[in-house]
Amino acid sequence: MKKVAGVDVSKDWLDCAVDADGKCVRFANSTKGALKCEKFFRKVGIDFVVVEATGGYERPLCKVLWAQGLALTIANPRQVRAFA
């Protein structure tokens, strides 16, 4: 079974949820923060990441994850809200 993480993206932060109990880990929304986030995902065994599209603020993280070969998708925030 694959482990999936969700990332809520804002201008300043990447809030990463990896557990079903709702615990989150926060990283700065920068290239350095994205690299730390990717290392964290590898450490906890994440196979797939769902990233919220936020008008371009998600790009540094997506570039790092793609470059490191981690599978991800960019989710439409309207669809995420409808699902919630």
N, C-alpha and C. Protein backbone atom coordinates (compact mmCIF):
# COMPACT_ATOMS: atom_id res chain seq x y z
N MET A 1 0.83 -1.18 0.00
CA MET A 1 0.00 0.00 0.00
C MET A 1 0.88 1.25 0.00
N LYS A 2 0.55 2.20 -0.85
CA LYS A 2 1.34 3.41 -0.96
C LYS A 2 1.01 4.40 0.14
N LYS A 3 2.04 5.12 0.60
CA LYS A 3 1.85 6.18 1.57
C LYS A 3 1.74 7.50 0.82
N VAL A 4 0.69 8.26 1.14
CA VAL A 4 0.41 9.52 0.46
C VAL A 4 0.51 10.67 1.45
N ALA A 5 1.06 11.79 1.00
CA ALA A 5 1.13 13.02 1.80
C ALA A 5 0.36 14.11 1.08
N GLY A 6 -0.21 15.02 1.84
CA GLY A 6 -0.89 16.17 1.28
C GLY A 6 -0.16 17.43 1.72
N VAL A 7 -0.07 18.40 0.80
CA VAL A 7 0.62 19.65 1.13
C VAL A 7 -0.32 20.82 0.88
N ASP A 8 -0.56 21.60 1.94
CA ASP A 8 -1.31 22.85 1.84
C ASP A 8 -0.27 23.95 1.62
N VAL A 9 -0.39 24.65 0.51
CA VAL A 9 0.62 25.63 0.11
C VAL A 9 0.10 27.04 0.34
N SER A 10 0.93 27.87 0.96
CA SER A 10 0.64 29.30 1.09
C SER A 10 1.87 30.07 0.63
N LYS A 11 1.77 31.38 0.65
CA LYS A 11 2.89 32.21 0.20
C LYS A 11 4.17 31.93 1.00
N ASP A 12 4.02 31.73 2.31
CA ASP A 12 5.19 31.58 3.17
C ASP A 12 5.47 30.16 3.64
N TRP A 13 4.45 29.28 3.60
CA TRP A 13 4.61 27.98 4.24
C TRP A 13 4.14 26.81 3.38
N LEU A 14 4.73 25.65 3.66
CA LEU A 14 4.29 24.36 3.13
C LEU A 14 3.88 23.53 4.34
N ASP A 15 2.59 23.28 4.51
CA ASP A 15 2.09 22.47 5.61
C ASP A 15 1.84 21.07 5.08
N CYS A 16 2.64 20.12 5.56
CA CYS A 16 2.64 18.75 5.03
C CYS A 16 1.97 17.80 6.01
N ALA A 17 0.90 17.16 5.57
CA ALA A 17 0.19 16.17 6.38
C ALA A 17 0.54 14.79 5.88
N VAL A 18 1.04 13.95 6.79
CA VAL A 18 1.45 12.60 6.39
C VAL A 18 0.76 11.52 7.19
N ASP A 19 0.05 11.86 8.22
CA ASP A 19 -0.61 10.88 9.07
C ASP A 19 -2.13 11.03 9.00
N ALA A 20 -2.83 9.94 9.21
CA ALA A 20 -4.29 9.99 9.22
C ALA A 20 -4.81 10.76 10.42
N ASP A 21 -3.99 10.94 11.45
CA ASP A 21 -4.44 11.66 12.65
C ASP A 21 -4.35 13.17 12.51
N GLY A 22 -3.91 13.66 11.36
CA GLY A 22 -3.92 15.09 11.09
C GLY A 22 -2.68 15.85 11.51
N LYS A 23 -1.64 15.17 11.95
CA LYS A 23 -0.41 15.87 12.32
C LYS A 23 0.23 16.47 11.08
N CYS A 24 0.74 17.68 11.23
CA CYS A 24 1.38 18.39 10.10
C CYS A 24 2.79 18.80 10.46
N VAL A 25 3.62 18.90 9.44
CA VAL A 25 4.96 19.42 9.57
C VAL A 25 5.05 20.63 8.66
N ARG A 26 5.64 21.71 9.14
CA ARG A 26 5.69 22.96 8.38
C ARG A 26 7.12 23.26 7.92
N PHE A 27 7.22 23.67 6.65
CA PHE A 27 8.49 24.09 6.07
C PHE A 27 8.28 25.44 5.39
N ALA A 28 9.34 26.19 5.26
CA ALA A 28 9.27 27.47 4.54
C ALA A 28 8.98 27.19 3.07
N ASN A 29 8.20 28.06 2.44
CA ASN A 29 7.92 27.91 1.01
C ASN A 29 9.02 28.59 0.23
N SER A 30 10.12 27.88 0.09
CA SER A 30 11.30 28.33 -0.64
C SER A 30 11.97 27.08 -1.19
N THR A 31 12.98 27.26 -2.00
CA THR A 31 13.71 26.10 -2.52
C THR A 31 14.35 25.32 -1.39
N LYS A 32 14.92 26.02 -0.42
CA LYS A 32 15.55 25.36 0.73
C LYS A 32 14.50 24.59 1.53
N GLY A 33 13.35 25.21 1.77
CA GLY A 33 12.28 24.53 2.48
C GLY A 33 11.75 23.33 1.72
N ALA A 34 11.65 23.46 0.39
CA ALA A 34 11.18 22.35 -0.44
C ALA A 34 12.15 21.17 -0.38
N LEU A 35 13.45 21.45 -0.34
CA LEU A 35 14.44 20.38 -0.22
C LEU A 35 14.31 19.67 1.12
N LYS A 36 14.07 20.44 2.20
CA LYS A 36 13.86 19.83 3.52
C LYS A 36 12.59 18.99 3.52
N CYS A 37 11.55 19.49 2.86
CA CYS A 37 10.29 18.77 2.76
C CYS A 37 10.49 17.44 2.03
N GLU A 38 11.20 17.47 0.92
CA GLU A 38 11.46 16.25 0.14
C GLU A 38 12.24 15.24 0.97
N LYS A 39 13.24 15.69 1.71
CA LYS A 39 14.02 14.79 2.57
C LYS A 39 13.14 14.18 3.65
N PHE A 40 12.23 14.99 4.20
CA PHE A 40 11.30 14.49 5.21
C PHE A 40 10.39 13.41 4.62
N PHE A 41 9.86 13.66 3.41
CA PHE A 41 9.00 12.66 2.76
C PHE A 41 9.76 11.35 2.55
N ARG A 42 10.99 11.43 2.12
CA ARG A 42 11.80 10.21 1.92
C ARG A 42 12.00 9.48 3.24
N LYS A 43 12.26 10.24 4.30
CA LYS A 43 12.52 9.65 5.62
C LYS A 43 11.31 8.87 6.13
N VAL A 44 10.10 9.39 5.92
CA VAL A 44 8.90 8.72 6.43
C VAL A 44 8.28 7.76 5.42
N GLY A 45 8.90 7.62 4.25
CA GLY A 45 8.46 6.62 3.27
C GLY A 45 7.27 7.00 2.42
N ILE A 46 7.15 8.28 2.10
CA ILE A 46 6.04 8.74 1.26
C ILE A 46 6.29 8.31 -0.19
N ASP A 47 5.25 7.78 -0.84
CA ASP A 47 5.34 7.34 -2.23
C ASP A 47 4.71 8.34 -3.20
N PHE A 48 3.74 9.13 -2.72
CA PHE A 48 2.99 10.01 -3.60
C PHE A 48 2.57 11.26 -2.83
N VAL A 49 2.65 12.42 -3.48
CA VAL A 49 2.33 13.69 -2.83
C VAL A 49 1.23 14.40 -3.61
N VAL A 50 0.24 14.91 -2.89
CA VAL A 50 -0.82 15.73 -3.48
C VAL A 50 -0.56 17.16 -3.02
N VAL A 51 -0.37 18.05 -4.00
CA VAL A 51 -0.04 19.45 -3.73
C VAL A 51 -1.20 20.32 -4.18
N GLU A 52 -1.60 21.25 -3.34
CA GLU A 52 -2.66 22.19 -3.69
C GLU A 52 -2.11 23.26 -4.64
N ALA A 53 -2.83 23.50 -5.73
CA ALA A 53 -2.46 24.58 -6.66
C ALA A 53 -2.84 25.91 -6.03
N THR A 54 -1.89 26.83 -5.97
CA THR A 54 -2.15 28.12 -5.33
C THR A 54 -1.56 29.27 -6.14
N GLY A 55 -1.87 29.33 -7.39
CA GLY A 55 -1.45 30.46 -8.21
C GLY A 55 0.04 30.60 -8.40
N GLY A 56 0.77 29.52 -8.33
CA GLY A 56 2.21 29.57 -8.57
C GLY A 56 3.06 29.36 -7.33
N TYR A 57 2.49 29.52 -6.14
CA TYR A 57 3.27 29.33 -4.91
C TYR A 57 3.73 27.89 -4.74
N GLU A 58 3.09 26.98 -5.45
CA GLU A 58 3.46 25.56 -5.34
C GLU A 58 4.66 25.20 -6.22
N ARG A 59 5.06 26.07 -7.11
CA ARG A 59 6.10 25.73 -8.10
C ARG A 59 7.45 25.33 -7.51
N PRO A 60 8.01 26.06 -6.52
CA PRO A 60 9.32 25.62 -5.98
C PRO A 60 9.27 24.19 -5.44
N LEU A 61 8.21 23.85 -4.71
CA LEU A 61 8.09 22.51 -4.17
C LEU A 61 7.97 21.48 -5.29
N CYS A 62 7.10 21.73 -6.26
CA CYS A 62 6.90 20.78 -7.35
C CYS A 62 8.18 20.55 -8.15
N LYS A 63 8.92 21.61 -8.40
CA LYS A 63 10.19 21.47 -9.13
C LYS A 63 11.15 20.57 -8.38
N VAL A 64 11.26 20.75 -7.08
CA VAL A 64 12.16 19.92 -6.27
C VAL A 64 11.69 18.48 -6.26
N LEU A 65 10.40 18.25 -6.02
CA LEU A 65 9.90 16.88 -5.95
C LEU A 65 10.06 16.15 -7.27
N TRP A 66 9.75 16.84 -8.39
CA TRP A 66 9.94 16.23 -9.71
C TRP A 66 11.41 15.92 -9.97
N ALA A 67 12.28 16.87 -9.65
CA ALA A 67 13.71 16.67 -9.88
C ALA A 67 14.25 15.49 -9.08
N GLN A 68 13.68 15.24 -7.91
CA GLN A 68 14.12 14.13 -7.07
C GLN A 68 13.38 12.82 -7.36
N GLY A 69 12.47 12.85 -8.34
CA GLY A 69 11.79 11.63 -8.77
C GLY A 69 10.63 11.19 -7.89
N LEU A 70 10.09 12.08 -7.08
CA LEU A 70 8.95 11.73 -6.23
C LEU A 70 7.66 12.00 -6.99
N ALA A 71 6.77 11.02 -7.00
CA ALA A 71 5.50 11.14 -7.73
C ALA A 71 4.59 12.15 -7.03
N LEU A 72 3.94 13.00 -7.83
CA LEU A 72 3.04 13.99 -7.26
C LEU A 72 1.98 14.40 -8.27
N THR A 73 0.94 15.03 -7.73
CA THR A 73 -0.09 15.64 -8.56
C THR A 73 -0.42 17.00 -7.96
N ILE A 74 -0.84 17.90 -8.82
CA ILE A 74 -1.27 19.23 -8.38
C ILE A 74 -2.79 19.25 -8.43
N ALA A 75 -3.42 19.45 -7.27
CA ALA A 75 -4.88 19.38 -7.17
C ALA A 75 -5.50 20.77 -7.28
N ASN A 76 -6.64 20.83 -7.95
CA ASN A 76 -7.40 22.06 -8.06
C ASN A 76 -8.04 22.35 -6.70
N PRO A 77 -7.81 23.55 -6.12
CA PRO A 77 -8.35 23.85 -4.80
C PRO A 77 -9.89 23.78 -4.74
N ARG A 78 -10.56 24.11 -5.81
CA ARG A 78 -12.02 24.04 -5.82
C ARG A 78 -12.49 22.58 -5.65
N GLN A 79 -11.81 21.66 -6.33
CA GLN A 79 -12.17 20.25 -6.19
C GLN A 79 -11.84 19.72 -4.80
N VAL A 80 -10.73 20.20 -4.24
CA VAL A 80 -10.36 19.78 -2.89
C VAL A 80 -11.42 20.25 -1.90
N ARG A 81 -11.85 21.49 -2.02
CA ARG A 81 -12.87 22.04 -1.13
C ARG A 81 -14.19 21.28 -1.28
N ALA A 82 -14.56 20.96 -2.50
CA ALA A 82 -15.80 20.22 -2.74
C ALA A 82 -15.72 18.82 -2.11
N PHE A 83 -14.56 18.21 -2.17
CA PHE A 83 -14.37 16.89 -1.58
C PHE A 83 -14.48 16.94 -0.06
N ALA A 84 -13.92 18.01 0.53
CA ALA A 84 -13.94 18.16 2.00
C ALA A 84 -15.37 18.30 2.48
